[in-house]
Every structure is written in C-alpha cells, then in structure tokens.
C-alpha cells in the first residue's frame, strides 16, 4: 500500500512529465503500482482510497471492551 507521501510524489513527478518507469524507479516501487495509481488519480483527482465495496459492517465493537463488560470476575461479583 502506498503512503500519502509516496502518492504525492507520484503525482508531482507525473505532473512534471516523468514517465511511469522513471517515477517508479526513482521511488523504488513497482511500475504497475505507479501506473495503477496514476490512472486512479487521473480518474478521481484524489489521492484517497476509493470506498470499499460490499456490505457495511453491522457491528464495530472492540473485543476488549466487550470482555471487560462481561468478564468472568465481574459476572461472579454480580452473582454474589
């Protein structure tokens, strides 16, 4: 996954007229990654990721929070 800094650099180098191969070599990332990012950037004019497809998550719960609220020791205390 590209960092935001790498994305900005790809855009900058591309806008300056550098080829995909030259940009990829300079940033030490694969040509295919550079090409794919440039095409997505030209399409959206944004460096942020696209919204993920699929169903939204129904629950966004932290497992530790759940465990702490129903931990065995707390349940035993409530029973006494």
PDB file of N, CA and C in Angstrom:
ATOM      1  N   UNK A   1       0.845  -1.173   0.000  1.00  0.00           N
ATOM      2  CA  UNK A   1       0.000   0.000   0.000  1.00  0.00           C
ATOM      3  C   UNK A   1       0.891   1.236   0.000  1.00  0.00           C
ATOM      4  N   UNK A   2       0.508   2.200  -0.779  1.00  0.00           N
ATOM      5  CA  UNK A   2       1.289   3.430  -0.881  1.00  0.00           C
ATOM      6  C   UNK A   2       0.964   4.376   0.271  1.00  0.00           C
ATOM      7  N   UNK A   3       1.985   5.033   0.793  1.00  0.00           N
ATOM      8  CA  UNK A   3       1.751   6.069   1.794  1.00  0.00           C
ATOM      9  C   UNK A   3       1.288   7.332   1.079  1.00  0.00           C
ATOM     10  N   UNK A   4       0.706   8.251   1.835  1.00  0.00           N
ATOM     11  CA  UNK A   4       0.270   9.516   1.240  1.00  0.00           C
ATOM     12  C   UNK A   4       1.459  10.271   0.651  1.00  0.00           C
ATOM     13  N   UNK A   5       2.595  10.191   1.324  1.00  0.00           N
ATOM     14  CA  UNK A   5       3.796  10.873   0.832  1.00  0.00           C
ATOM     15  C   UNK A   5       4.206  10.312  -0.540  1.00  0.00           C
ATOM     16  N   UNK A   6       4.178   8.995  -0.681  1.00  0.00           N
ATOM     17  CA  UNK A   6       4.509   8.373  -1.957  1.00  0.00           C
ATOM     18  C   UNK A   6       3.510   8.792  -3.034  1.00  0.00           C
ATOM     19  N   UNK A   7       2.242   8.865  -2.671  1.00  0.00           N
ATOM     20  CA  UNK A   7       1.214   9.263  -3.631  1.00  0.00           C
ATOM     21  C   UNK A   7       1.460  10.684  -4.117  1.00  0.00           C
ATOM     22  N   UNK A   8       1.753  11.593  -3.191  1.00  0.00           N
ATOM     23  CA  UNK A   8       2.035  12.976  -3.581  1.00  0.00           C
ATOM     24  C   UNK A   8       3.260  13.040  -4.498  1.00  0.00           C
ATOM     25  N   UNK A   9       4.269  12.236  -4.189  1.00  0.00           N
ATOM     26  CA  UNK A   9       5.474  12.219  -5.017  1.00  0.00           C
ATOM     27  C   UNK A   9       5.178  11.692  -6.422  1.00  0.00           C
ATOM     28  N   UNK A  10       4.360  10.652  -6.507  1.00  0.00           N
ATOM     29  CA  UNK A  10       3.990  10.102  -7.812  1.00  0.00           C
ATOM     30  C   UNK A  10       3.267  11.164  -8.632  1.00  0.00           C
ATOM     31  N   UNK A  11       2.316  11.840  -8.014  1.00  0.00           N
ATOM     32  CA  UNK A  11       1.564  12.883  -8.716  1.00  0.00           C
ATOM     33  C   UNK A  11       2.510  13.986  -9.176  1.00  0.00           C
ATOM     34  N   UNK A  12       3.370  14.427  -8.281  1.00  0.00           N
ATOM     35  CA  UNK A  12       4.297  15.512  -8.615  1.00  0.00           C
ATOM     36  C   UNK A  12       5.206  15.122  -9.783  1.00  0.00           C
ATOM     37  N   UNK A  13       5.825  13.951  -9.693  1.00  0.00           N
ATOM     38  CA  UNK A  13       6.737  13.517 -10.747  1.00  0.00           C
ATOM     39  C   UNK A  13       6.011  13.315 -12.070  1.00  0.00           C
ATOM     40  N   UNK A  14       4.784  12.814 -11.998  1.00  0.00           N
ATOM     41  CA  UNK A  14       3.993  12.617 -13.205  1.00  0.00           C
ATOM     42  C   UNK A  14       3.633  13.966 -13.833  1.00  0.00           C
ATOM     43  N   UNK A  15       3.221  14.910 -12.997  1.00  0.00           N
ATOM     44  CA  UNK A  15       2.862  16.247 -13.499  1.00  0.00           C
ATOM     45  C   UNK A  15       4.076  16.968 -14.098  1.00  0.00           C
ATOM     46  N   UNK A  16       5.264  16.624 -13.615  1.00  0.00           N
ATOM     47  CA  UNK A  16       6.492  17.239 -14.135  1.00  0.00           C
ATOM     48  C   UNK A  16       6.925  16.598 -15.458  1.00  0.00           C
ATOM     49  N   UNK A  17       6.179  15.584 -15.910  1.00  0.00           N
ATOM     50  CA  UNK A  17       6.452  14.992 -17.212  1.00  0.00           C
ATOM     51  C   UNK A  17       7.307  13.741 -17.186  1.00  0.00           C
ATOM     52  N   UNK A  18       7.577  13.209 -16.003  1.00  0.00           N
ATOM     53  CA  UNK A  18       8.368  11.981 -15.916  1.00  0.00           C
ATOM     54  C   UNK A  18       7.525  10.780 -16.333  1.00  0.00           C
ATOM     55  N   UNK A  19       8.163   9.795 -16.911  1.00  0.00           N
ATOM     56  CA  UNK A  19       7.462   8.580 -17.328  1.00  0.00           C
ATOM     57  C   UNK A  19       7.120   7.736 -16.105  1.00  0.00           C
ATOM     58  N   UNK A  20       6.220   6.801 -16.313  1.00  0.00           N
ATOM     59  CA  UNK A  20       5.850   5.886 -15.230  1.00  0.00           C
ATOM     60  C   UNK A  20       7.067   5.090 -14.781  1.00  0.00           C
ATOM     61  N   UNK A  21       7.836   4.601 -15.736  1.00  0.00           N
ATOM     62  CA  UNK A  21       9.022   3.800 -15.411  1.00  0.00           C
ATOM     63  C   UNK A  21      10.037   4.611 -14.603  1.00  0.00           C
ATOM     64  N   UNK A  22      10.286   5.841 -15.032  1.00  0.00           N
ATOM     65  CA  UNK A  22      11.244   6.686 -14.339  1.00  0.00           C
ATOM     66  C   UNK A  22      10.765   7.041 -12.931  1.00  0.00           C
ATOM     67  N   UNK A  23       9.475   7.341 -12.802  1.00  0.00           N
ATOM     68  CA  UNK A  23       8.888   7.650 -11.497  1.00  0.00           C
ATOM     69  C   UNK A  23       8.985   6.448 -10.572  1.00  0.00           C
ATOM     70  N   UNK A  24       8.629   5.273 -11.081  1.00  0.00           N
ATOM     71  CA  UNK A  24       8.668   4.048 -10.277  1.00  0.00           C
ATOM     72  C   UNK A  24      10.092   3.733  -9.827  1.00  0.00           C
ATOM     73  N   UNK A  25      11.038   3.882 -10.727  1.00  0.00           N
ATOM     74  CA  UNK A  25      12.430   3.595 -10.390  1.00  0.00           C
ATOM     75  C   UNK A  25      12.944   4.576  -9.336  1.00  0.00           C
ATOM     76  N   UNK A  26      12.612   5.859  -9.495  1.00  0.00           N
ATOM     77  CA  UNK A  26      13.058   6.877  -8.546  1.00  0.00           C
ATOM     78  C   UNK A  26      12.485   6.624  -7.152  1.00  0.00           C
ATOM     79  N   UNK A  27      11.228   6.197  -7.077  1.00  0.00           N
ATOM     80  CA  UNK A  27      10.576   5.959  -5.783  1.00  0.00           C
ATOM     81  C   UNK A  27      10.734   4.528  -5.283  1.00  0.00           C
ATOM     82  N   UNK A  28      11.364   3.684  -6.100  1.00  0.00           N
ATOM     83  CA  UNK A  28      11.604   2.283  -5.736  1.00  0.00           C
ATOM     84  C   UNK A  28      10.296   1.532  -5.444  1.00  0.00           C
ATOM     85  N   UNK A  29       9.342   1.696  -6.349  1.00  0.00           N
ATOM     86  CA  UNK A  29       8.082   0.963  -6.261  1.00  0.00           C
ATOM     87  C   UNK A  29       7.799   0.362  -7.637  1.00  0.00           C
ATOM     88  N   UNK A  30       6.981  -0.684  -7.710  1.00  0.00           N
ATOM     89  CA  UNK A  30       6.720  -1.337  -8.988  1.00  0.00           C
ATOM     90  C   UNK A  30       6.053  -0.410 -10.009  1.00  0.00           C
ATOM     91  N   UNK A  31       6.387  -0.610 -11.275  1.00  0.00           N
ATOM     92  CA  UNK A  31       5.784   0.173 -12.361  1.00  0.00           C
ATOM     93  C   UNK A  31       4.268  -0.005 -12.375  1.00  0.00           C
ATOM     94  N   UNK A  32       3.812  -1.219 -12.127  1.00  0.00           N
ATOM     95  CA  UNK A  32       2.367  -1.477 -12.163  1.00  0.00           C
ATOM     96  C   UNK A  32       1.633  -0.691 -11.078  1.00  0.00           C
ATOM     97  N   UNK A  33       2.232  -0.597  -9.900  1.00  0.00           N
ATOM     98  CA  UNK A  33       1.634   0.179  -8.810  1.00  0.00           C
ATOM     99  C   UNK A  33       1.566   1.651  -9.197  1.00  0.00           C
ATOM    100  N   UNK A  34       2.647   2.146  -9.760  1.00  0.00           N
ATOM    101  CA  UNK A  34       2.705   3.543 -10.188  1.00  0.00           C
ATOM    102  C   UNK A  34       1.669   3.814 -11.272  1.00  0.00           C
ATOM    103  N   UNK A  35       1.602   2.945 -12.263  1.00  0.00           N
ATOM    104  CA  UNK A  35       0.648   3.095 -13.360  1.00  0.00           C
ATOM    105  C   UNK A  35      -0.790   3.069 -12.848  1.00  0.00           C
ATOM    106  N   UNK A  36      -1.088   2.085 -11.981  1.00  0.00           N
ATOM    107  CA  UNK A  36      -2.445   1.968 -11.443  1.00  0.00           C
ATOM    108  C   UNK A  36      -2.830   3.204 -10.638  1.00  0.00           C
ATOM    109  N   UNK A  37      -1.891   3.708  -9.817  1.00  0.00           N
ATOM    110  CA  UNK A  37      -2.208   4.884  -9.015  1.00  0.00           C
ATOM    111  C   UNK A  37      -2.428   6.109  -9.897  1.00  0.00           C
ATOM    112  N   UNK A  38      -1.584   6.291 -10.896  1.00  0.00           N
ATOM    113  CA  UNK A  38      -1.727   7.453 -11.783  1.00  0.00           C
ATOM    114  C   UNK A  38      -3.072   7.404 -12.510  1.00  0.00           C
ATOM    115  N   UNK A  39      -3.473   6.230 -12.966  1.00  0.00           N
ATOM    116  CA  UNK A  39      -4.760   6.139 -13.671  1.00  0.00           C
ATOM    117  C   UNK A  39      -5.924   6.426 -12.722  1.00  0.00           C
ATOM    118  N   UNK A  40      -5.846   5.944 -11.476  1.00  0.00           N
ATOM    119  CA  UNK A  40      -6.900   6.229 -10.494  1.00  0.00           C
ATOM    120  C   UNK A  40      -6.908   7.707 -10.133  1.00  0.00           C
ATOM    121  N   UNK A  41      -5.725   8.305 -10.033  1.00  0.00           N
ATOM    122  CA  UNK A  41      -5.640   9.726  -9.707  1.00  0.00           C
ATOM    123  C   UNK A  41      -6.246  10.573 -10.826  1.00  0.00           C
ATOM    124  N   UNK A  42      -5.943  10.229 -12.067  1.00  0.00           N
ATOM    125  CA  UNK A  42      -6.494  10.983 -13.202  1.00  0.00           C
ATOM    126  C   UNK A  42      -8.013  10.864 -13.258  1.00  0.00           C
ATOM    127  N   UNK A  43      -8.524   9.714 -12.843  1.00  0.00           N
ATOM    128  CA  UNK A  43      -9.963   9.473 -12.860  1.00  0.00           C
ATOM    129  C   UNK A  43     -10.684  10.233 -11.745  1.00  0.00           C
ATOM    130  N   UNK A  44     -10.082  10.260 -10.548  1.00  0.00           N
ATOM    131  CA  UNK A  44     -10.758  10.833  -9.383  1.00  0.00           C
ATOM    132  C   UNK A  44     -10.212  12.181  -8.935  1.00  0.00           C
ATOM    133  N   UNK A  45      -8.994  12.530  -9.367  1.00  0.00           N
ATOM    134  CA  UNK A  45      -8.301  13.750  -8.915  1.00  0.00           C
ATOM    135  C   UNK A  45      -8.171  13.775  -7.392  1.00  0.00           C
ATOM    136  N   UNK A  46      -7.978  12.601  -6.811  1.00  0.00           N
ATOM    137  CA  UNK A  46      -7.846  12.474  -5.368  1.00  0.00           C
ATOM    138  C   UNK A  46      -6.808  11.393  -5.063  1.00  0.00           C
ATOM    139  N   UNK A  47      -6.081  11.575  -3.961  1.00  0.00           N
ATOM    140  CA  UNK A  47      -5.123  10.537  -3.574  1.00  0.00           C
ATOM    141  C   UNK A  47      -5.719   9.570  -2.558  1.00  0.00           C
ATOM    142  N   UNK A  48      -6.928   9.860  -2.064  1.00  0.00           N
ATOM    143  CA  UNK A  48      -7.519   8.984  -1.064  1.00  0.00           C
ATOM    144  C   UNK A  48      -8.058   7.714  -1.714  1.00  0.00           C
ATOM    145  N   UNK A  49      -8.189   6.701  -0.899  1.00  0.00           N
ATOM    146  CA  UNK A  49      -8.659   5.417  -1.398  1.00  0.00           C
ATOM    147  C   UNK A  49     -10.131   5.479  -1.746  1.00  0.00           C
ATOM    148  N   UNK A  50     -10.525   4.613  -2.646  1.00  0.00           N
ATOM    149  CA  UNK A  50     -11.931   4.513  -3.004  1.00  0.00           C
ATOM    150  C   UNK A  50     -12.692   3.844  -1.878  1.00  0.00           C
ATOM    151  N   UNK A  51     -13.976   4.127  -1.818  1.00  0.00           N
ATOM    152  CA  UNK A  51     -14.821   3.476  -0.835  1.00  0.00           C
ATOM    153  C   UNK A  51     -14.829   1.978  -1.125  1.00  0.00           C
ATOM    154  N   UNK A  52     -14.689   1.198  -0.085  1.00  0.00           N
ATOM    155  CA  UNK A  52     -14.685  -0.247  -0.232  1.00  0.00           C
ATOM    156  C   UNK A  52     -16.067  -0.734  -0.638  1.00  0.00           C
ATOM    157  N   UNK A  53     -16.096  -1.749  -1.465  1.00  0.00           N
ATOM    158  CA  UNK A  53     -17.368  -2.316  -1.873  1.00  0.00           C
ATOM    159  C   UNK A  53     -17.817  -3.359  -0.854  1.00  0.00           C
ATOM    160  N   UNK A  54     -19.038  -3.745  -0.967  1.00  0.00           N
ATOM    161  CA  UNK A  54     -19.561  -4.773  -0.086  1.00  0.00           C
ATOM    162  C   UNK A  54     -20.495  -4.199   0.956  1.00  0.00           C
ATOM    163  N   UNK A  55     -21.019  -5.080   1.765  1.00  0.00           N
ATOM    164  CA  UNK A  55     -21.948  -4.669   2.808  1.00  0.00           C
ATOM    165  C   UNK A  55     -21.223  -3.904   3.900  1.00  0.00           C
ATOM    166  N   UNK A  56     -21.867  -2.907   4.496  1.00  0.00           N
ATOM    167  CA  UNK A  56     -21.250  -2.213   5.617  1.00  0.00           C
ATOM    168  C   UNK A  56     -21.198  -3.126   6.835  1.00  0.00           C
ATOM    169  N   UNK A  57     -20.239  -2.895   7.685  1.00  0.00           N
ATOM    170  CA  UNK A  57     -20.125  -3.707   8.891  1.00  0.00           C
ATOM    171  C   UNK A  57     -21.274  -3.360   9.822  1.00  0.00           C
ATOM    172  N   UNK A  58     -21.935  -4.382  10.318  1.00  0.00           N
ATOM    173  CA  UNK A  58     -23.076  -4.159  11.196  1.00  0.00           C
ATOM    174  C   UNK A  58     -22.632  -3.748  12.590  1.00  0.00           C
ATOM    175  N   UNK A  59     -21.562  -4.363  13.048  1.00  0.00           N
ATOM    176  CA  UNK A  59     -21.073  -4.072  14.387  1.00  0.00           C
ATOM    177  C   UNK A  59     -19.625  -3.647  14.316  1.00  0.00           C
ATOM    178  N   UNK A  60     -19.298  -2.625  15.058  1.00  0.00           N
ATOM    179  CA  UNK A  60     -17.918  -2.172  15.131  1.00  0.00           C
ATOM    180  C   UNK A  60     -17.544  -2.109  16.607  1.00  0.00           C
ATOM    181  N   UNK A  61     -17.422  -3.262  17.213  1.00  0.00           N
ATOM    182  CA  UNK A  61     -17.176  -3.335  18.643  1.00  0.00           C
ATOM    183  C   UNK A  61     -15.744  -3.747  18.924  1.00  0.00           C
ATOM    184  N   UNK A  62     -15.215  -3.193  19.959  1.00  0.00           N
ATOM    185  CA  UNK A  62     -13.878  -3.540  20.397  1.00  0.00           C
ATOM    186  C   UNK A  62     -13.985  -4.755  21.315  1.00  0.00           C
ATOM    187  N   UNK A  63     -13.269  -5.813  20.991  1.00  0.00           N
ATOM    188  CA  UNK A  63     -13.350  -7.066  21.748  1.00  0.00           C
ATOM    189  C   UNK A  63     -12.959  -6.854  23.207  1.00  0.00           C
ATOM    190  N   UNK A  64     -11.953  -6.055  23.473  1.00  0.00           N
ATOM    191  CA  UNK A  64     -11.541  -5.826  24.862  1.00  0.00           C
ATOM    192  C   UNK A  64     -12.636  -5.144  25.655  1.00  0.00           C
ATOM    193  N   UNK A  65     -13.333  -4.199  25.035  1.00  0.00           N
ATOM    194  CA  UNK A  65     -14.433  -3.523  25.725  1.00  0.00           C
ATOM    195  C   UNK A  65     -15.530  -4.522  26.073  1.00  0.00           C
ATOM    196  N   UNK A  66     -15.828  -5.406  25.136  1.00  0.00           N
ATOM    197  CA  UNK A  66     -16.850  -6.419  25.392  1.00  0.00           C
ATOM    198  C   UNK A  66     -16.404  -7.326  26.527  1.00  0.00           C
ATOM    199  N   UNK A  67     -15.158  -7.773  26.478  1.00  0.00           N
ATOM    200  CA  UNK A  67     -14.650  -8.673  27.507  1.00  0.00           C
ATOM    201  C   UNK A  67     -14.688  -7.997  28.875  1.00  0.00           C
ATOM    202  N   UNK A  68     -14.283  -6.743  28.930  1.00  0.00           N
ATOM    203  CA  UNK A  68     -14.262  -6.033  30.205  1.00  0.00           C
ATOM    204  C   UNK A  68     -15.656  -5.849  30.787  1.00  0.00           C
ATOM    205  N   UNK A  69     -16.654  -5.717  29.936  1.00  0.00           N
ATOM    206  CA  UNK A  69     -18.006  -5.525  30.454  1.00  0.00           C
ATOM    207  C   UNK A  69     -18.627  -6.833  30.923  1.00  0.00           C
ATOM    208  N   UNK A  70     -18.202  -7.946  30.377  1.00  0.00           N
ATOM    209  CA  UNK A  70     -18.775  -9.233  30.791  1.00  0.00           C
ATOM    210  C   UNK A  70     -17.693 -10.217  31.221  1.00  0.00           C
ATOM    211  N   UNK A  71     -16.607  -9.718  31.805  1.00  0.00           N
ATOM    212  CA  UNK A  71     -15.538 -10.621  32.229  1.00  0.00           C
ATOM    213  C   UNK A  71     -16.048 -11.536  33.338  1.00  0.00           C
ATOM    214  N   UNK A  72     -15.487 -12.723  33.454  1.00  0.00           N
ATOM    215  CA  UNK A  72     -15.936 -13.692  34.448  1.00  0.00           C
ATOM    216  C   UNK A  72     -15.916 -13.135  35.886  1.00  0.00           C
ATOM    217  N   UNK A  73     -14.897 -12.377  36.245  1.00  0.00           N
ATOM    218  CA  UNK A  73     -14.823 -11.856  37.597  1.00  0.00           C
ATOM    219  C   UNK A  73     -15.958 -10.882  37.879  1.00  0.00           C
ATOM    220  N   UNK A  74     -16.334 -10.069  36.928  1.00  0.00           N
ATOM    221  CA  UNK A  74     -17.446  -9.145  37.106  1.00  0.00           C
ATOM    222  C   UNK A  74     -18.773  -9.881  37.199  1.00  0.00           C
ATOM    223  N   UNK A  75     -18.911 -10.961  36.427  1.00  0.00           N
ATOM    224  CA  UNK A  75     -20.135 -11.760  36.490  1.00  0.00           C
ATOM    225  C   UNK A  75     -20.278 -12.437  37.846  1.00  0.00           C
ATOM    226  N   UNK A  76     -19.173 -12.948  38.361  1.00  0.00           N
ATOM    227  CA  UNK A  76     -19.200 -13.607  39.684  1.00  0.00           C
ATOM    228  C   UNK A  76     -19.560 -12.602  40.761  1.00  0.00           C
ATOM    229  N   UNK A  77     -18.999 -11.389  40.688  1.00  0.00           N
ATOM    230  CA  UNK A  77     -19.316 -10.355  41.661  1.00  0.00           C
ATOM    231  C   UNK A  77     -20.805 -10.023  41.628  1.00  0.00           C
ATOM    232  N   UNK A  78     -21.393  -9.990  40.466  1.00  0.00           N
ATOM    233  CA  UNK A  78     -22.810  -9.668  40.335  1.00  0.00           C
ATOM    234  C   UNK A  78     -23.694 -10.772  40.901  1.00  0.00           C
ATOM    235  N   UNK A  79     -23.220 -12.015  40.832  1.00  0.00           N
ATOM    236  CA  UNK A  79     -23.997 -13.150  41.334  1.00  0.00           C
ATOM    237  C   UNK A  79     -24.016 -13.210  42.856  1.00  0.00           C
ATOM    238  N   UNK A  80     -23.026 -12.650  43.494  1.00  0.00           N
ATOM    239  CA  UNK A  80     -22.947 -12.709  44.960  1.00  0.00           C
ATOM    240  C   UNK A  80     -23.660 -11.607  45.603  1.00  0.00           C
TER     241      UNK A  80
END
